[in-house]
Amino acid sequence: MFDFDDVSTYPNDIREWVNERKKFFLNIVPVGSYEFEYEIIHKLQDVRFYDMPEFISFQTKYQDAEFTGWHNTRIEDIDTFCEQGILTIDSIDEGRERFQYLLNKIKVDEVNQNAIISKAIYLWKRDSGSRTHCIHFFFTRVPIINDPKAFTFAENLGGEILNRALKAIDREAYRKEPYKRLWIWGVPCRVKFKAKLKEMKESTQEHFIREIIFYFVMKDIYGLEYIPYDVGTKFGAVLPNDILQIEIIKNFEEIMSQYPDFENFYE
């Protein structure tokens, strides 16, 4: 298993490939030609690694290898979550049933339920394949600390689609009762899981290999640290046995309260 949080697990053959091509990378970014570290990454991002035979070979070789990721979510009941794993909504009927359960739980009347679910169905149909049937995640834990953009996936029960459906109807709905319950109930968590490369979206597979290359280029050629800061997509649910760690975001409310949308929200 290749753990993005543990550089000792990174594939050694990719490291060897990077070091064999030291001159290639130094031609792209000569030592001393940059003021800030991110300038190196920006130039490396312009390199068409995906077309290189060696890159394609790495991607093919590691199809059955397991990689780790971090998924942010708000969990209603941790025991149940551990039994079910990270679920996806794979049909409109399944999504309607889930949202009806949550909206009934906070006592939303039938008329408003229908309006919210209709908007959610529109979003599911519009974004089918990119925002449904899959799990979105961060490569490492570090970028999701104290980052409100990362925390948005743990804002409310019901997840991103319900969040967007409610805000499409009323931008301030999350501040009002009974909808505010969805933003308060449950436990905001970071969930670390493992999955095979072949279960990932094609672009995620490519980014996995690319980020490992970036790490070794920065470390071995420029003597700099690099933390993979990227997001990915896994098709299908994450089974309970593939969950490696569940970490409660203990300072979630404190962090979110620093931003205008949640100022005085949790009081």
Protein backbone atom coordinates (compact mmCIF):
# COMPACT_ATOMS: atom_id res chain seq x y z
CA MET A 1 0.00 0.00 0.00
CA PHE A 2 1.27 3.46 -0.92
CA ASP A 3 0.42 5.89 1.86
CA PHE A 4 0.63 9.51 0.74
CA ASP A 5 1.18 10.53 4.37
CA ASP A 6 4.23 8.26 4.64
CA VAL A 7 6.91 9.05 2.08
CA SER A 8 8.79 5.85 2.97
CA THR A 9 6.07 3.91 1.12
CA TYR A 10 6.45 5.83 -2.16
CA PRO A 11 7.47 3.58 -5.12
CA ASN A 12 11.24 3.35 -5.38
CA ASP A 13 11.20 2.72 -9.13
CA ILE A 14 9.64 6.14 -9.67
CA ARG A 15 12.39 7.65 -7.52
CA GLU A 16 15.05 5.91 -9.62
CA TRP A 17 13.42 7.16 -12.82
CA VAL A 18 13.44 10.74 -11.51
CA ASN A 19 17.10 10.58 -10.49
CA GLU A 20 18.15 9.06 -13.81
CA ARG A 21 16.66 12.14 -15.49
CA LYS A 22 18.20 14.76 -13.24
CA LYS A 23 19.58 16.74 -16.20
CA PHE A 24 16.14 16.76 -17.81
CA PHE A 25 14.58 18.40 -14.77
CA LEU A 26 17.47 20.82 -14.25
CA ASN A 27 17.06 21.98 -17.86
CA ILE A 28 13.44 22.80 -17.09
CA VAL A 29 14.20 24.55 -13.80
CA PRO A 30 17.90 25.33 -13.30
CA VAL A 31 19.08 25.64 -9.70
CA GLY A 32 18.88 29.27 -8.61
CA SER A 33 16.42 30.25 -11.36
CA TYR A 34 13.51 30.52 -8.95
CA GLU A 35 12.73 32.68 -5.95
CA PHE A 36 9.92 30.62 -4.46
CA GLU A 37 9.48 26.85 -4.25
CA TYR A 38 6.07 26.92 -5.92
CA GLU A 39 7.70 28.28 -9.09
CA ILE A 40 9.34 24.87 -9.60
CA ILE A 41 5.99 23.07 -9.34
CA HIS A 42 4.35 25.53 -11.72
CA LYS A 43 6.99 24.77 -14.36
CA LEU A 44 6.77 21.03 -13.74
CA GLN A 45 3.00 21.20 -14.24
CA ASP A 46 3.66 22.29 -17.83
CA VAL A 47 5.58 19.07 -18.57
CA ARG A 48 3.50 16.49 -20.46
CA PHE A 49 4.36 13.57 -18.17
CA TYR A 50 1.16 11.78 -19.17
CA ASP A 51 2.51 11.22 -22.71
CA MET A 52 5.81 9.69 -21.58
CA PRO A 53 6.06 5.90 -22.07
CA GLU A 54 7.60 5.50 -18.61
CA PHE A 55 4.73 7.40 -17.00
CA ILE A 56 2.17 5.24 -18.79
CA SER A 57 4.13 2.18 -17.71
CA PHE A 58 3.99 3.24 -14.04
CA GLN A 59 0.27 3.88 -14.27
CA THR A 60 -0.28 0.44 -15.82
CA LYS A 61 2.02 -1.30 -13.37
CA TYR A 62 0.25 0.03 -10.29
CA GLN A 63 -3.37 -0.54 -11.35
CA ASP A 64 -3.88 -3.13 -8.60
CA ALA A 65 -1.82 -1.26 -6.01
CA GLU A 66 -3.61 0.39 -3.10
CA PHE A 67 -3.28 4.10 -2.41
CA THR A 68 -4.64 6.15 0.48
CA GLY A 69 -6.91 9.19 0.56
CA TRP A 70 -8.77 11.41 3.03
CA HIS A 71 -12.51 12.03 2.73
CA ASN A 72 -14.15 14.79 4.77
CA THR A 73 -17.73 14.15 5.85
CA ARG A 74 -20.24 14.77 8.60
CA ILE A 75 -21.23 11.51 10.28
CA GLU A 76 -24.63 11.06 11.88
CA ASP A 77 -23.65 7.94 13.85
CA ILE A 78 -20.06 6.70 13.87
CA ASP A 79 -20.93 3.09 14.77
CA THR A 80 -23.31 2.82 11.82
CA PHE A 81 -20.78 4.54 9.58
CA CYS A 82 -18.14 1.95 10.51
CA GLU A 83 -20.57 -0.82 9.55
CA GLN A 84 -21.53 0.74 6.21
CA GLY A 85 -18.36 2.46 5.03
CA ILE A 86 -18.39 5.58 2.85
CA LEU A 87 -21.53 5.28 0.75
CA THR A 88 -22.39 6.86 -2.57
CA ILE A 89 -25.84 7.79 -3.83
CA ASP A 90 -26.20 5.65 -6.93
CA SER A 91 -29.79 6.36 -7.98
CA ILE A 92 -32.33 9.14 -7.72
CA ASP A 93 -34.66 6.90 -5.72
CA GLU A 94 -31.88 6.14 -3.26
CA GLY A 95 -31.07 9.84 -2.96
CA ARG A 96 -34.72 10.80 -2.50
CA GLU A 97 -35.08 8.24 0.28
CA ARG A 98 -31.96 9.53 2.05
CA PHE A 99 -32.99 13.17 1.85
CA GLN A 100 -36.56 12.44 2.92
CA TYR A 101 -35.16 10.72 5.99
CA LEU A 102 -33.00 13.73 6.89
CA LEU A 103 -35.69 16.32 6.13
CA ASN A 104 -38.25 14.37 8.15
CA LYS A 105 -35.74 14.18 10.97
CA ILE A 106 -35.56 17.97 11.18
CA LYS A 107 -39.35 18.25 10.61
CA VAL A 108 -39.48 19.97 7.21
CA ASP A 109 -43.01 20.07 5.78
CA GLU A 110 -43.94 18.15 2.63
CA VAL A 111 -44.11 21.18 0.31
CA ASN A 112 -40.60 22.33 1.17
CA GLN A 113 -39.31 18.76 1.08
CA ASN A 114 -40.56 18.38 -2.48
CA ALA A 115 -38.96 21.66 -3.54
CA ILE A 116 -35.58 20.75 -2.02
CA ILE A 117 -35.57 17.21 -3.40
CA SER A 118 -36.60 18.44 -6.87
CA LYS A 119 -33.64 20.80 -6.88
CA ALA A 120 -31.34 17.98 -5.71
CA ILE A 121 -32.64 15.70 -8.49
CA TYR A 122 -31.87 18.44 -11.02
CA LEU A 123 -28.31 18.68 -9.69
CA TRP A 124 -27.86 14.89 -9.73
CA LYS A 125 -28.99 14.67 -13.35
CA ARG A 126 -26.89 17.65 -14.41
CA ASP A 127 -23.73 16.42 -12.68
CA SER A 128 -24.25 12.67 -13.08
CA GLY A 129 -20.93 10.87 -13.27
CA SER A 130 -18.87 13.70 -11.79
CA ARG A 131 -20.67 14.41 -8.51
CA THR A 132 -22.55 11.12 -8.08
CA HIS A 133 -21.55 7.44 -7.93
CA CYS A 134 -18.17 8.44 -6.54
CA ILE A 135 -16.16 9.57 -3.51
CA HIS A 136 -14.13 12.79 -3.56
CA PHE A 137 -11.04 13.00 -1.41
CA PHE A 138 -7.73 14.71 -0.63
CA PHE A 139 -4.41 12.95 -1.21
CA THR A 140 -2.90 13.81 2.20
CA ARG A 141 -4.08 14.98 5.60
CA VAL A 142 -1.92 18.11 5.73
CA PRO A 143 -3.81 20.29 3.21
CA ILE A 144 -7.14 19.68 4.97
CA ILE A 145 -6.03 21.18 8.28
CA ASN A 146 -7.49 24.64 8.91
CA ASP A 147 -8.79 24.94 5.34
CA PRO A 148 -12.46 25.98 5.08
CA LYS A 149 -12.58 24.93 1.43
CA ALA A 150 -11.67 21.42 2.54
CA PHE A 151 -14.06 21.52 5.46
CA THR A 152 -17.04 22.34 3.25
CA PHE A 153 -17.52 18.60 2.70
CA ALA A 154 -18.12 18.18 6.44
CA GLU A 155 -20.43 21.17 6.85
CA ASN A 156 -23.76 19.39 6.92
CA LEU A 157 -25.56 16.06 7.05
CA GLY A 158 -26.67 15.12 3.55
CA GLY A 159 -23.46 16.25 1.94
CA GLU A 160 -22.70 18.57 -0.93
CA ILE A 161 -25.81 17.97 -3.07
CA LEU A 162 -28.25 18.72 -0.22
CA ASN A 163 -26.13 21.74 0.70
CA ARG A 164 -26.29 23.06 -2.86
CA ALA A 165 -30.00 22.28 -3.25
CA LEU A 166 -30.90 24.22 -0.12
CA LYS A 167 -28.71 27.19 -1.01
CA ALA A 168 -30.15 27.29 -4.52
CA ILE A 169 -33.57 27.82 -2.97
CA ASP A 170 -32.44 30.16 -0.19
CA ARG A 171 -28.81 31.24 0.17
CA GLU A 172 -29.35 31.79 3.91
CA ALA A 173 -31.35 28.60 4.55
CA TYR A 174 -28.49 27.03 6.48
CA ARG A 175 -28.79 29.79 9.09
CA LYS A 176 -32.50 29.23 9.63
CA GLU A 177 -34.45 26.64 11.56
CA PRO A 178 -35.13 23.82 10.96
CA TYR A 179 -32.42 23.55 8.26
CA LYS A 180 -29.70 24.73 10.63
CA ARG A 181 -30.01 21.34 12.38
CA LEU A 182 -28.29 19.72 9.39
CA TRP A 183 -25.27 21.96 9.95
CA ILE A 184 -25.12 21.22 13.70
CA TRP A 185 -26.12 17.57 14.13
CA GLY A 186 -23.59 14.86 13.47
CA VAL A 187 -19.81 14.77 13.84
CA PRO A 188 -17.42 16.42 11.33
CA CYS A 189 -14.70 13.89 10.53
CA ARG A 190 -11.71 13.15 8.35
CA VAL A 191 -11.80 9.57 7.10
CA LYS A 192 -8.67 7.90 5.76
CA PHE A 193 -9.23 4.98 3.41
CA LYS A 194 -7.44 2.82 0.88
CA ALA A 195 -8.44 1.95 -2.66
CA LYS A 196 -6.86 0.44 -5.76
CA LEU A 197 -5.57 2.75 -8.46
CA LYS A 198 -7.89 1.16 -11.02
CA GLU A 199 -10.88 2.25 -8.93
CA MET A 200 -9.93 5.88 -9.47
CA LYS A 201 -10.96 8.33 -12.14
CA GLU A 202 -8.41 8.44 -14.98
CA SER A 203 -7.24 11.95 -14.11
CA THR A 204 -6.81 10.91 -10.46
CA GLN A 205 -4.64 7.97 -11.51
CA GLU A 206 -2.44 10.34 -13.48
CA HIS A 207 -2.23 12.82 -10.62
CA PHE A 208 -1.24 10.07 -8.18
CA ILE A 209 1.81 9.21 -10.27
CA ARG A 210 2.56 12.86 -11.04
CA GLU A 211 2.50 13.90 -7.38
CA ILE A 212 4.96 11.13 -6.48
CA ILE A 213 7.23 12.35 -9.28
CA PHE A 214 6.94 15.90 -7.95
CA TYR A 215 7.89 14.72 -4.45
CA PHE A 216 11.08 13.01 -5.63
CA VAL A 217 12.03 15.86 -7.97
CA MET A 218 11.71 18.39 -5.15
CA LYS A 219 13.40 16.16 -2.57
CA ASP A 220 16.25 14.57 -4.53
CA ILE A 221 17.04 17.22 -7.12
CA TYR A 222 16.29 20.50 -5.37
CA GLY A 223 16.62 19.43 -1.73
CA LEU A 224 13.18 20.77 -0.86
CA GLU A 225 10.18 19.27 0.90
CA TYR A 226 6.96 18.72 -1.02
CA ILE A 227 3.56 17.61 0.23
CA PRO A 228 1.11 16.32 -2.39
CA TYR A 229 -1.68 18.89 -2.42
CA ASP A 230 -4.31 17.50 -4.71
CA VAL A 231 -7.80 16.08 -4.78
CA GLY A 232 -9.10 12.92 -6.40
CA THR A 233 -12.16 10.88 -7.29
CA LYS A 234 -12.86 7.22 -6.55
CA PHE A 235 -15.70 5.43 -8.29
CA GLY A 236 -18.06 3.55 -5.99
CA ALA A 237 -18.32 3.24 -2.23
CA VAL A 238 -15.52 2.60 0.27
CA LEU A 239 -16.07 -0.69 2.11
CA PRO A 240 -15.74 -0.79 5.91
CA ASN A 241 -12.58 -2.91 5.74
CA ASP A 242 -10.94 -0.26 3.58
CA ILE A 243 -11.38 2.49 6.17
CA LEU A 244 -8.04 3.01 7.90
CA GLN A 245 -8.77 5.85 10.31
CA ILE A 246 -11.62 8.10 11.44
CA GLU A 247 -10.47 11.37 12.96
CA ILE A 248 -12.96 13.75 14.56
CA ILE A 249 -12.29 17.37 13.58
CA LYS A 250 -12.34 18.69 17.12
CA ASN A 251 -11.77 22.35 16.25
CA PHE A 252 -14.19 22.39 13.32
CA GLU A 253 -16.62 24.99 14.71
CA GLU A 254 -13.82 27.26 15.89
CA ILE A 255 -12.18 27.23 12.47
CA MET A 256 -15.40 27.70 10.52
CA SER A 257 -16.48 30.57 12.78
CA GLN A 258 -13.53 32.61 11.52
CA TYR A 259 -15.18 32.94 8.10
CA PRO A 260 -18.06 35.31 7.24
CA ASP A 261 -20.56 32.60 6.25
CA PHE A 262 -20.31 31.04 9.73
CA GLU A 263 -19.69 34.06 11.91
CA ASN A 264 -21.79 33.67 15.08
CA PHE A 265 -23.34 30.56 13.51
CA TYR A 266 -22.56 27.99 16.22
CA GLU A 267 -23.47 30.18 19.21
